[in-house]
C-alpha atoms as a PDB file:
ATOM      1  CA  MET A   1     145.642 -14.516 120.652  1.00  0.00           C
ATOM      2  CA  ARG A   2     142.263 -12.871 120.617  1.00  0.00           C
ATOM      3  CA  VAL A   3     141.672 -13.946 124.263  1.00  0.00           C
ATOM      4  CA  LEU A   4     145.014 -12.442 125.268  1.00  0.00           C
ATOM      5  CA  VAL A   5     144.175  -9.101 123.696  1.00  0.00           C
ATOM      6  CA  TYR A   6     140.816  -9.131 125.464  1.00  0.00           C
ATOM      7  CA  ILE A   7     142.430  -9.866 128.806  1.00  0.00           C
ATOM      8  CA  LEU A   8     145.078  -7.030 128.212  1.00  0.00           C
ATOM      9  CA  MET A   9     142.249  -4.552 127.483  1.00  0.00           C
ATOM     10  CA  LEU A  10     140.316  -5.552 130.594  1.00  0.00           C
ATOM     11  CA  ALA A  11     143.518  -5.163 132.702  1.00  0.00           C
ATOM     12  CA  VAL A  12     144.062  -1.703 131.197  1.00  0.00           C
ATOM     13  CA  VAL A  13     140.478  -0.615 131.964  1.00  0.00           C
ATOM     14  CA  ALA A  14     140.755  -1.966 135.497  1.00  0.00           C
ATOM     15  CA  ALA A  15     144.157  -0.283 136.058  1.00  0.00           C
ATOM     16  CA  THR A  16     143.048   3.118 134.796  1.00  0.00           C
ATOM     17  CA  GLY A  17     139.564   3.045 136.313  1.00  0.00           C
ATOM     18  CA  CYS A  18     136.338   4.187 134.767  1.00  0.00           C
ATOM     19  CA  VAL A  19     135.282   7.761 134.796  1.00  0.00           C
ATOM     20  CA  THR A  20     131.633   8.666 135.041  1.00  0.00           C
ATOM     21  CA  LYS A  21     130.132  11.088 132.553  1.00  0.00           C
ATOM     22  CA  SER A  22     129.371  13.514 135.296  1.00  0.00           C
ATOM     23  CA  LYS A  23     132.913  13.460 136.572  1.00  0.00           C
ATOM     24  CA  ALA A  24     134.333  13.825 133.076  1.00  0.00           C
ATOM     25  CA  ASP A  25     131.940  16.825 132.426  1.00  0.00           C
ATOM     26  CA  LYS A  26     133.054  18.405 135.673  1.00  0.00           C
ATOM     27  CA  GLU A  27     136.715  17.998 134.851  1.00  0.00           C
ATOM     28  CA  VAL A  28     136.109  19.541 131.388  1.00  0.00           C
ATOM     29  CA  ARG A  29     134.112  22.416 132.932  1.00  0.00           C
ATOM     30  CA  ASP A  30     136.824  23.054 135.544  1.00  0.00           C
ATOM     31  CA  ALA A  31     139.520  23.074 132.956  1.00  0.00           C
ATOM     32  CA  TYR A  32     137.610  25.415 130.736  1.00  0.00           C
ATOM     33  CA  LEU A  33     136.977  27.915 133.566  1.00  0.00           C
ATOM     34  CA  ALA A  34     140.636  27.670 134.758  1.00  0.00           C
ATOM     35  CA  GLY A  35     141.841  28.444 131.191  1.00  0.00           C
ATOM     36  CA  GLU A  36     139.266  31.341 130.744  1.00  0.00           C
ATOM     37  CA  LYS A  37     140.238  32.738 134.095  1.00  0.00           C
ATOM     38  CA  GLN A  38     143.983  32.620 133.239  1.00  0.00           C
ATOM     39  CA  ALA A  39     143.312  34.300 129.926  1.00  0.00           C
ATOM     40  CA  TYR A  40     141.531  37.259 131.531  1.00  0.00           C
ATOM     41  CA  GLN A  41     144.207  37.617 134.226  1.00  0.00           C
ATOM     42  CA  SER A  42     146.965  37.691 131.549  1.00  0.00           C
ATOM     43  CA  MET A  43     144.917  40.347 129.665  1.00  0.00           C
ATOM     44  CA  GLY A  44     145.033  42.410 132.828  1.00  0.00           C
ATOM     45  CA  ALA A  45     141.381  43.384 133.173  1.00  0.00           C
ATOM     46  CA  GLN A  46     141.092  46.816 134.684  1.00  0.00           C
ATOM     47  CA  MET A  47     140.403  46.980 138.383  1.00  0.00           C
ATOM     48  CA  THR A  48     137.427  49.246 137.865  1.00  0.00           C
ATOM     49  CA  ASN A  49     135.555  46.526 136.073  1.00  0.00           C
ATOM     50  CA  VAL A  50     133.971  43.272 137.158  1.00  0.00           C
ATOM     51  CA  VAL A  51     134.921  40.163 135.131  1.00  0.00           C
ATOM     52  CA  ILE A  52     132.342  37.395 134.527  1.00  0.00           C
ATOM     53  CA  LEU A  53     133.617  33.995 133.493  1.00  0.00           C
ATOM     54  CA  GLY A  54     131.315  31.351 132.135  1.00  0.00           C
ATOM     55  CA  ASP A  55     128.467  31.155 129.589  1.00  0.00           C
ATOM     56  CA  VAL A  56     127.929  34.904 129.059  1.00  0.00           C
ATOM     57  CA  ASP A  57     128.201  37.231 126.056  1.00  0.00           C
ATOM     58  CA  LYS A  58     130.014  40.000 127.815  1.00  0.00           C
ATOM     59  CA  HIS A  59     132.918  39.081 130.044  1.00  0.00           C
ATOM     60  CA  GLU A  60     133.756  42.468 131.377  1.00  0.00           C
ATOM     61  CA  ILE A  61     131.213  44.756 132.997  1.00  0.00           C
ATOM     62  CA  PRO A  62     132.044  48.353 134.021  1.00  0.00           C
ATOM     63  CA  TRP A  63     131.652  48.624 137.778  1.00  0.00           C
ATOM     64  CA  VAL A  64     129.230  51.395 139.085  1.00  0.00           C
ATOM     65  CA  ALA A  65     128.305  52.149 142.624  1.00  0.00           C
ATOM     66  CA  GLY A  66     125.697  49.807 143.903  1.00  0.00           C
ATOM     67  CA  LEU A  67     126.253  47.130 141.139  1.00  0.00           C
ATOM     68  CA  THR A  68     124.834  43.750 142.337  1.00  0.00           C
ATOM     69  CA  LEU A  69     125.656  40.224 141.174  1.00  0.00           C
ATOM     70  CA  THR A  70     122.177  39.934 139.583  1.00  0.00           C
ATOM     71  CA  GLN A  71     122.593  43.154 137.612  1.00  0.00           C
ATOM     72  CA  ALA A  72     126.076  42.047 136.459  1.00  0.00           C
ATOM     73  CA  LEU A  73     124.702  38.657 135.278  1.00  0.00           C
ATOM     74  CA  VAL A  74     121.907  40.400 133.348  1.00  0.00           C
ATOM     75  CA  THR A  75     124.344  42.936 131.783  1.00  0.00           C
ATOM     76  CA  ALA A  76     126.758  40.198 130.909  1.00  0.00           C
ATOM     77  CA  ASN A  77     123.768  38.308 129.242  1.00  0.00           C
ATOM     78  CA  TYR A  78     124.056  34.858 130.950  1.00  0.00           C
ATOM     79  CA  LYS A  79     123.210  32.276 128.187  1.00  0.00           C
ATOM     80  CA  GLY A  80     122.819  29.153 130.201  1.00  0.00           C
ATOM     81  CA  MET A  81     119.631  27.123 129.622  1.00  0.00           C
ATOM     82  CA  HIS A  82     119.354  26.397 133.362  1.00  0.00           C
ATOM     83  CA  VAL A  83     120.007  27.965 136.661  1.00  0.00           C
ATOM     84  CA  PRO A  84     123.770  27.797 137.185  1.00  0.00           C
ATOM     85  CA  GLN A  85     125.124  25.038 139.393  1.00  0.00           C
ATOM     86  CA  MET A  86     127.102  27.453 141.452  1.00  0.00           C
ATOM     87  CA  ILE A  87     128.618  30.976 141.303  1.00  0.00           C
ATOM     88  CA  LEU A  88     132.039  31.746 142.656  1.00  0.00           C
ATOM     89  CA  LEU A  89     133.047  35.240 143.647  1.00  0.00           C
ATOM     90  CA  LYS A  90     136.647  36.038 144.017  1.00  0.00           C
ATOM     91  CA  ARG A  91     137.532  39.252 145.722  1.00  0.00           C
ATOM     92  CA  ASN A  92     141.057  40.171 146.961  1.00  0.00           C
ATOM     93  CA  SER A  93     142.208  36.511 146.533  1.00  0.00           C
ATOM     94  CA  VAL A  94     139.289  35.276 148.662  1.00  0.00           C
ATOM     95  CA  GLU A  95     136.875  32.986 146.935  1.00  0.00           C
ATOM     96  CA  THR A  96     133.220  32.748 148.047  1.00  0.00           C
ATOM     97  CA  GLN A  97     130.754  30.265 146.817  1.00  0.00           C
ATOM     98  CA  ILE A  98     127.235  31.663 146.207  1.00  0.00           C
ATOM     99  CA  ASP A  99     124.178  29.450 145.755  1.00  0.00           C
ATOM    100  CA  PRO A 100     122.228  30.710 142.728  1.00  0.00           C
ATOM    101  CA  LYS A 101     119.019  29.989 144.614  1.00  0.00           C
ATOM    102  CA  ARG A 102     119.787  32.877 146.878  1.00  0.00           C
ATOM    103  CA  LEU A 103     119.603  35.218 143.932  1.00  0.00           C
ATOM    104  CA  LEU A 104     116.243  33.650 142.641  1.00  0.00           C
ATOM    105  CA  ASN A 105     114.904  34.206 146.240  1.00  0.00           C
ATOM    106  CA  GLY A 106     115.588  37.892 146.104  1.00  0.00           C
ATOM    107  CA  GLU A 107     118.932  37.986 148.078  1.00  0.00           C
ATOM    108  CA  ASP A 108     121.700  39.749 146.249  1.00  0.00           C
ATOM    109  CA  VAL A 109     125.398  40.477 146.585  1.00  0.00           C
ATOM    110  CA  LYS A 110     126.954  43.831 146.127  1.00  0.00           C
ATOM    111  CA  LEU A 111     129.979  43.830 143.851  1.00  0.00           C
ATOM    112  CA  GLN A 112     133.160  45.815 144.159  1.00  0.00           C
ATOM    113  CA  PRO A 113     135.600  46.906 141.446  1.00  0.00           C
ATOM    114  CA  GLY A 114     137.954  44.114 140.434  1.00  0.00           C
ATOM    115  CA  ASP A 115     135.655  41.237 141.408  1.00  0.00           C
ATOM    116  CA  LEU A 116     135.870  38.069 139.469  1.00  0.00           C
ATOM    117  CA  VAL A 117     132.695  36.123 139.096  1.00  0.00           C
ATOM    118  CA  SER A 118     132.763  32.518 137.737  1.00  0.00           C
ATOM    119  CA  VAL A 119     129.348  31.064 136.697  1.00  0.00           C
ATOM    120  CA  VAL A 120     129.446  27.256 136.708  1.00  0.00           C
ATOM    121  CA  GLY A 121     126.624  25.706 134.595  1.00  0.00           C
ATOM    122  CA  GLN A 122     125.053  22.328 134.695  1.00  0.00           C
END
């Protein structure tokens, strides 16, 4: 009986497949960001603001002329312990991936009212 249970457990694991920790972490992170994004969309953030999703203290930043991505992240108080894995900028239904290393190298991106920024951590 014990052998049969063991064989059944192996069959279940083989059938469902194993998930690596990094893949599981990515799935959790993606689900969190999707839920956070949906919550802010349902709240109807004003189009004159910039919304920052991710590990920040302040998720809505008032837009001002000349506002850059770096300024918005500093204003939002990014709390991550490491450089983000990636930054996604959604503007007018177009999503652009931004390499955080660009910001560290002095390149910056001007933001516009209604931009949605997702900061994806490690």
